[in-house]
Amino acid sequence: MTNSSSLSSLSPVKTAVDSFLFNIKSPSVIYVALSGGLDSTVLLHALNEAIQNQNDRFKLKAIYVDHGLQSESNEWSVHCQQVCDNLGVEFVSLKIELGSFSRKGLEAIARTERYKAISEVIDGASSSSKPYLVTGHHQRDQVETLLLN
């Protein structure tokens, strides 16, 4: 598990997060699409660490979407809740139902429905702060997407 002290060695992530925070308007609410995987967890930790002394400028929240595609999806939700509890980050878990489609079609539908559900949470939040949604992806994600397509 990644902890805050090990994030200092992730300078590309820290640089990207610092640049993002410098360039957005405040006050802002930053929503992290949290899957529980390494990419989004590192992003959540990095953002949390970066805004520790800027609580009046930024509020950090995490959203997990359970598509029910994996038998462990409920455990991932619990894991994400624990990560957020440990960091003191507000957490929302959403469960969405998907029909049956071909695997390629199912992944596309899941992605569309995931962002639709996240958008509803963000749009429904009453806040005078500007909302931002951030997602974590590693460099191989683009290669995997290209190969899958």
C-alpha atoms as a PDB file:
ATOM      1  CA  MET A   1       0.000   0.000   0.000  1.00  0.00           C
ATOM      2  CA  THR A   2       1.277   3.451  -0.871  1.00  0.00           C
ATOM      3  CA  ASN A   3       1.741   5.896   1.947  1.00  0.00           C
ATOM      4  CA  SER A   4       2.294   9.642   1.884  1.00  0.00           C
ATOM      5  CA  SER A   5       5.989   9.498   2.696  1.00  0.00           C
ATOM      6  CA  SER A   6       6.704   7.305  -0.335  1.00  0.00           C
ATOM      7  CA  LEU A   7       5.007   9.788  -2.687  1.00  0.00           C
ATOM      8  CA  SER A   8       8.028  12.082  -2.648  1.00  0.00           C
ATOM      9  CA  SER A   9       9.805   9.536  -4.866  1.00  0.00           C
ATOM     10  CA  LEU A  10       6.998   9.808  -7.442  1.00  0.00           C
ATOM     11  CA  SER A  11       8.155  13.163  -8.783  1.00  0.00           C
ATOM     12  CA  PRO A  12       6.289  12.944 -12.146  1.00  0.00           C
ATOM     13  CA  VAL A  13       3.018  12.416 -10.263  1.00  0.00           C
ATOM     14  CA  LYS A  14       3.813  15.185  -7.783  1.00  0.00           C
ATOM     15  CA  THR A  15       4.776  17.533 -10.608  1.00  0.00           C
ATOM     16  CA  ALA A  16       1.539  16.805 -12.483  1.00  0.00           C
ATOM     17  CA  VAL A  17      -0.585  17.252  -9.339  1.00  0.00           C
ATOM     18  CA  ASP A  18       1.169  20.505  -8.391  1.00  0.00           C
ATOM     19  CA  SER A  19       0.704  21.839 -11.924  1.00  0.00           C
ATOM     20  CA  PHE A  20      -2.978  20.868 -11.921  1.00  0.00           C
ATOM     21  CA  LEU A  21      -3.616  22.551  -8.570  1.00  0.00           C
ATOM     22  CA  PHE A  22      -1.739  25.680  -9.644  1.00  0.00           C
ATOM     23  CA  ASN A  23      -3.864  26.002 -12.786  1.00  0.00           C
ATOM     24  CA  ILE A  24      -7.367  25.484 -11.395  1.00  0.00           C
ATOM     25  CA  LYS A  25      -9.610  28.067  -9.822  1.00  0.00           C
ATOM     26  CA  SER A  26     -10.324  27.981  -6.130  1.00  0.00           C
ATOM     27  CA  PRO A  27     -12.293  27.254  -4.157  1.00  0.00           C
ATOM     28  CA  SER A  28     -12.656  23.915  -5.925  1.00  0.00           C
ATOM     29  CA  VAL A  29     -13.957  20.453  -5.199  1.00  0.00           C
ATOM     30  CA  ILE A  30     -11.752  17.773  -6.709  1.00  0.00           C
ATOM     31  CA  TYR A  31     -13.429  14.435  -7.293  1.00  0.00           C
ATOM     32  CA  VAL A  32     -11.170  11.420  -7.802  1.00  0.00           C
ATOM     33  CA  ALA A  33     -12.639   8.491  -9.728  1.00  0.00           C
ATOM     34  CA  LEU A  34     -11.303   5.821  -7.355  1.00  0.00           C
ATOM     35  CA  SER A  35     -11.182   2.226  -8.563  1.00  0.00           C
ATOM     36  CA  GLY A  36      -8.975   0.967  -5.752  1.00  0.00           C
ATOM     37  CA  GLY A  37      -6.230   0.155  -8.236  1.00  0.00           C
ATOM     38  CA  LEU A  38      -2.714   1.535  -8.029  1.00  0.00           C
ATOM     39  CA  ASP A  39      -3.243   4.425 -10.477  1.00  0.00           C
ATOM     40  CA  SER A  40      -6.220   6.045  -8.795  1.00  0.00           C
ATOM     41  CA  THR A  41      -4.938   5.289  -5.292  1.00  0.00           C
ATOM     42  CA  VAL A  42      -1.606   7.003  -5.976  1.00  0.00           C
ATOM     43  CA  LEU A  43      -3.473   9.951  -7.482  1.00  0.00           C
ATOM     44  CA  LEU A  44      -5.712  10.214  -4.411  1.00  0.00           C
ATOM     45  CA  HIS A  45      -2.716  10.102  -2.058  1.00  0.00           C
ATOM     46  CA  ALA A  46      -0.788  12.662  -4.114  1.00  0.00           C
ATOM     47  CA  LEU A  47      -3.719  15.087  -4.231  1.00  0.00           C
ATOM     48  CA  ASN A  48      -4.420  14.619  -0.536  1.00  0.00           C
ATOM     49  CA  GLU A  49      -0.789  15.309   0.328  1.00  0.00           C
ATOM     50  CA  ALA A  50      -0.628  18.358  -1.957  1.00  0.00           C
ATOM     51  CA  ILE A  51      -3.720  20.039  -0.507  1.00  0.00           C
ATOM     52  CA  GLN A  52      -3.018  19.357   3.167  1.00  0.00           C
ATOM     53  CA  ASN A  53      -2.207  23.002   3.857  1.00  0.00           C
ATOM     54  CA  GLN A  54      -4.726  24.417   1.379  1.00  0.00           C
ATOM     55  CA  ASN A  55      -8.024  23.260   2.890  1.00  0.00           C
ATOM     56  CA  ASP A  56      -9.665  26.607   2.248  1.00  0.00           C
ATOM     57  CA  ARG A  57      -8.857  26.349  -1.492  1.00  0.00           C
ATOM     58  CA  PHE A  58      -9.624  22.704  -2.232  1.00  0.00           C
ATOM     59  CA  LYS A  59     -11.934  19.952  -1.008  1.00  0.00           C
ATOM     60  CA  LEU A  60     -11.096  16.405  -2.019  1.00  0.00           C
ATOM     61  CA  LYS A  61     -13.721  13.691  -2.541  1.00  0.00           C
ATOM     62  CA  ALA A  62     -13.511  10.173  -3.981  1.00  0.00           C
ATOM     63  CA  ILE A  63     -16.106   8.252  -5.961  1.00  0.00           C
ATOM     64  CA  TYR A  64     -16.112   4.486  -6.497  1.00  0.00           C
ATOM     65  CA  VAL A  65     -18.464   2.984  -9.072  1.00  0.00           C
ATOM     66  CA  ASP A  66     -19.423  -0.680  -8.680  1.00  0.00           C
ATOM     67  CA  HIS A  67     -20.517  -2.057 -12.056  1.00  0.00           C
ATOM     68  CA  GLY A  68     -20.994  -5.523 -10.606  1.00  0.00           C
ATOM     69  CA  LEU A  69     -18.684  -6.900 -13.318  1.00  0.00           C
ATOM     70  CA  GLN A  70     -16.364  -8.635 -10.857  1.00  0.00           C
ATOM     71  CA  SER A  71     -17.290 -10.879  -7.967  1.00  0.00           C
ATOM     72  CA  GLU A  72     -14.921  -8.813  -5.766  1.00  0.00           C
ATOM     73  CA  SER A  73     -16.517  -5.444  -6.598  1.00  0.00           C
ATOM     74  CA  ASN A  74     -18.087  -5.084  -3.144  1.00  0.00           C
ATOM     75  CA  GLU A  75     -14.728  -5.793  -1.499  1.00  0.00           C
ATOM     76  CA  TRP A  76     -13.162  -3.090  -3.705  1.00  0.00           C
ATOM     77  CA  SER A  77     -15.767  -0.650  -2.445  1.00  0.00           C
ATOM     78  CA  VAL A  78     -14.907  -1.521   1.165  1.00  0.00           C
ATOM     79  CA  HIS A  79     -11.189  -1.178   0.382  1.00  0.00           C
ATOM     80  CA  CYS A  80     -11.745   2.265  -1.184  1.00  0.00           C
ATOM     81  CA  GLN A  81     -13.820   3.344   1.824  1.00  0.00           C
ATOM     82  CA  GLN A  82     -10.985   2.295   4.171  1.00  0.00           C
ATOM     83  CA  VAL A  83      -8.373   4.170   2.100  1.00  0.00           C
ATOM     84  CA  CYS A  84     -10.522   7.307   2.203  1.00  0.00           C
ATOM     85  CA  ASP A  85     -11.242   6.926   5.922  1.00  0.00           C
ATOM     86  CA  ASN A  86      -7.495   6.668   6.603  1.00  0.00           C
ATOM     87  CA  LEU A  87      -6.875   9.846   4.605  1.00  0.00           C
ATOM     88  CA  GLY A  88      -9.894  11.733   5.930  1.00  0.00           C
ATOM     89  CA  VAL A  89     -11.321  12.058   2.409  1.00  0.00           C
ATOM     90  CA  GLU A  90     -15.077  12.072   1.791  1.00  0.00           C
ATOM     91  CA  PHE A  91     -16.125   8.895  -0.054  1.00  0.00           C
ATOM     92  CA  VAL A  92     -19.119   8.029  -2.224  1.00  0.00           C
ATOM     93  CA  SER A  93     -19.801   4.503  -3.487  1.00  0.00           C
ATOM     94  CA  LEU A  94     -22.232   4.052  -6.365  1.00  0.00           C
ATOM     95  CA  LYS A  95     -23.708   0.803  -7.657  1.00  0.00           C
ATOM     96  CA  ILE A  96     -24.922   0.658 -11.251  1.00  0.00           C
ATOM     97  CA  GLU A  97     -26.628  -2.125 -13.152  1.00  0.00           C
ATOM     98  CA  LEU A  98     -25.553  -3.101 -16.660  1.00  0.00           C
ATOM     99  CA  GLY A  99     -27.292  -5.365 -19.120  1.00  0.00           C
ATOM    100  CA  SER A 100     -25.530  -8.163 -20.975  1.00  0.00           C
ATOM    101  CA  PHE A 101     -23.432  -7.233 -23.994  1.00  0.00           C
ATOM    102  CA  SER A 102     -20.403  -8.568 -25.807  1.00  0.00           C
ATOM    103  CA  ARG A 103     -17.276  -8.020 -23.706  1.00  0.00           C
ATOM    104  CA  LYS A 104     -16.102  -5.090 -25.840  1.00  0.00           C
ATOM    105  CA  GLY A 105     -19.592  -3.602 -25.784  1.00  0.00           C
ATOM    106  CA  LEU A 106     -19.916  -4.187 -22.060  1.00  0.00           C
ATOM    107  CA  GLU A 107     -16.710  -2.287 -21.284  1.00  0.00           C
ATOM    108  CA  ALA A 108     -17.852   0.666 -23.404  1.00  0.00           C
ATOM    109  CA  ILE A 109     -21.294   0.653 -21.759  1.00  0.00           C
ATOM    110  CA  ALA A 110     -19.687   0.375 -18.299  1.00  0.00           C
ATOM    111  CA  ARG A 111     -17.442   3.365 -19.008  1.00  0.00           C
ATOM    112  CA  THR A 112     -20.386   5.452 -20.287  1.00  0.00           C
ATOM    113  CA  GLU A 113     -22.578   4.519 -17.311  1.00  0.00           C
ATOM    114  CA  ARG A 114     -19.725   5.096 -14.834  1.00  0.00           C
ATOM    115  CA  TYR A 115     -19.188   8.664 -16.034  1.00  0.00           C
ATOM    116  CA  LYS A 116     -22.933   9.272 -16.168  1.00  0.00           C
ATOM    117  CA  ALA A 117     -23.263   8.193 -12.501  1.00  0.00           C
ATOM    118  CA  ILE A 118     -20.259  10.277 -11.447  1.00  0.00           C
ATOM    119  CA  SER A 119     -21.654  13.286 -13.324  1.00  0.00           C
ATOM    120  CA  GLU A 120     -24.964  12.957 -11.466  1.00  0.00           C
ATOM    121  CA  VAL A 121     -23.142  13.034  -8.108  1.00  0.00           C
ATOM    122  CA  ILE A 122     -21.085  16.065  -9.089  1.00  0.00           C
ATOM    123  CA  ASP A 123     -24.034  17.916 -10.642  1.00  0.00           C
ATOM    124  CA  GLY A 124     -26.202  17.126  -7.612  1.00  0.00           C
ATOM    125  CA  ALA A 125     -23.702  18.443  -5.086  1.00  0.00           C
ATOM    126  CA  SER A 126     -24.656  21.838  -3.767  1.00  0.00           C
ATOM    127  CA  SER A 127     -21.511  23.868  -3.706  1.00  0.00           C
ATOM    128  CA  SER A 128     -20.294  27.280  -4.729  1.00  0.00           C
ATOM    129  CA  SER A 129     -16.941  25.672  -5.493  1.00  0.00           C
ATOM    130  CA  LYS A 130     -15.968  24.688  -9.009  1.00  0.00           C
ATOM    131  CA  PRO A 131     -15.910  20.880  -9.424  1.00  0.00           C
ATOM    132  CA  TYR A 132     -13.164  18.928 -11.183  1.00  0.00           C
ATOM    133  CA  LEU A 133     -13.060  15.206 -11.946  1.00  0.00           C
ATOM    134  CA  VAL A 134      -9.652  13.549 -12.104  1.00  0.00           C
ATOM    135  CA  THR A 135      -8.804   9.992 -13.083  1.00  0.00           C
ATOM    136  CA  GLY A 136      -5.568   8.064 -12.690  1.00  0.00           C
ATOM    137  CA  HIS A 137      -4.054   6.129 -15.562  1.00  0.00           C
ATOM    138  CA  HIS A 138      -0.615   4.682 -16.099  1.00  0.00           C
ATOM    139  CA  GLN A 139       1.251   4.961 -19.408  1.00  0.00           C
ATOM    140  CA  ARG A 140       0.328   1.433 -20.466  1.00  0.00           C
ATOM    141  CA  ASP A 141      -3.400   2.275 -20.317  1.00  0.00           C
ATOM    142  CA  GLN A 142      -3.130   4.062 -23.662  1.00  0.00           C
ATOM    143  CA  VAL A 143      -1.302   1.111 -25.212  1.00  0.00           C
ATOM    144  CA  GLU A 144      -3.876  -1.327 -23.828  1.00  0.00           C
ATOM    145  CA  THR A 145      -6.726   0.798 -25.204  1.00  0.00           C
ATOM    146  CA  LEU A 146      -5.074   0.959 -28.621  1.00  0.00           C
ATOM    147  CA  LEU A 147      -4.524  -2.818 -28.662  1.00  0.00           C
ATOM    148  CA  LEU A 148      -8.082  -3.542 -27.523  1.00  0.00           C
ATOM    149  CA  ASN A 149      -9.511  -1.293 -30.212  1.00  0.00           C
END
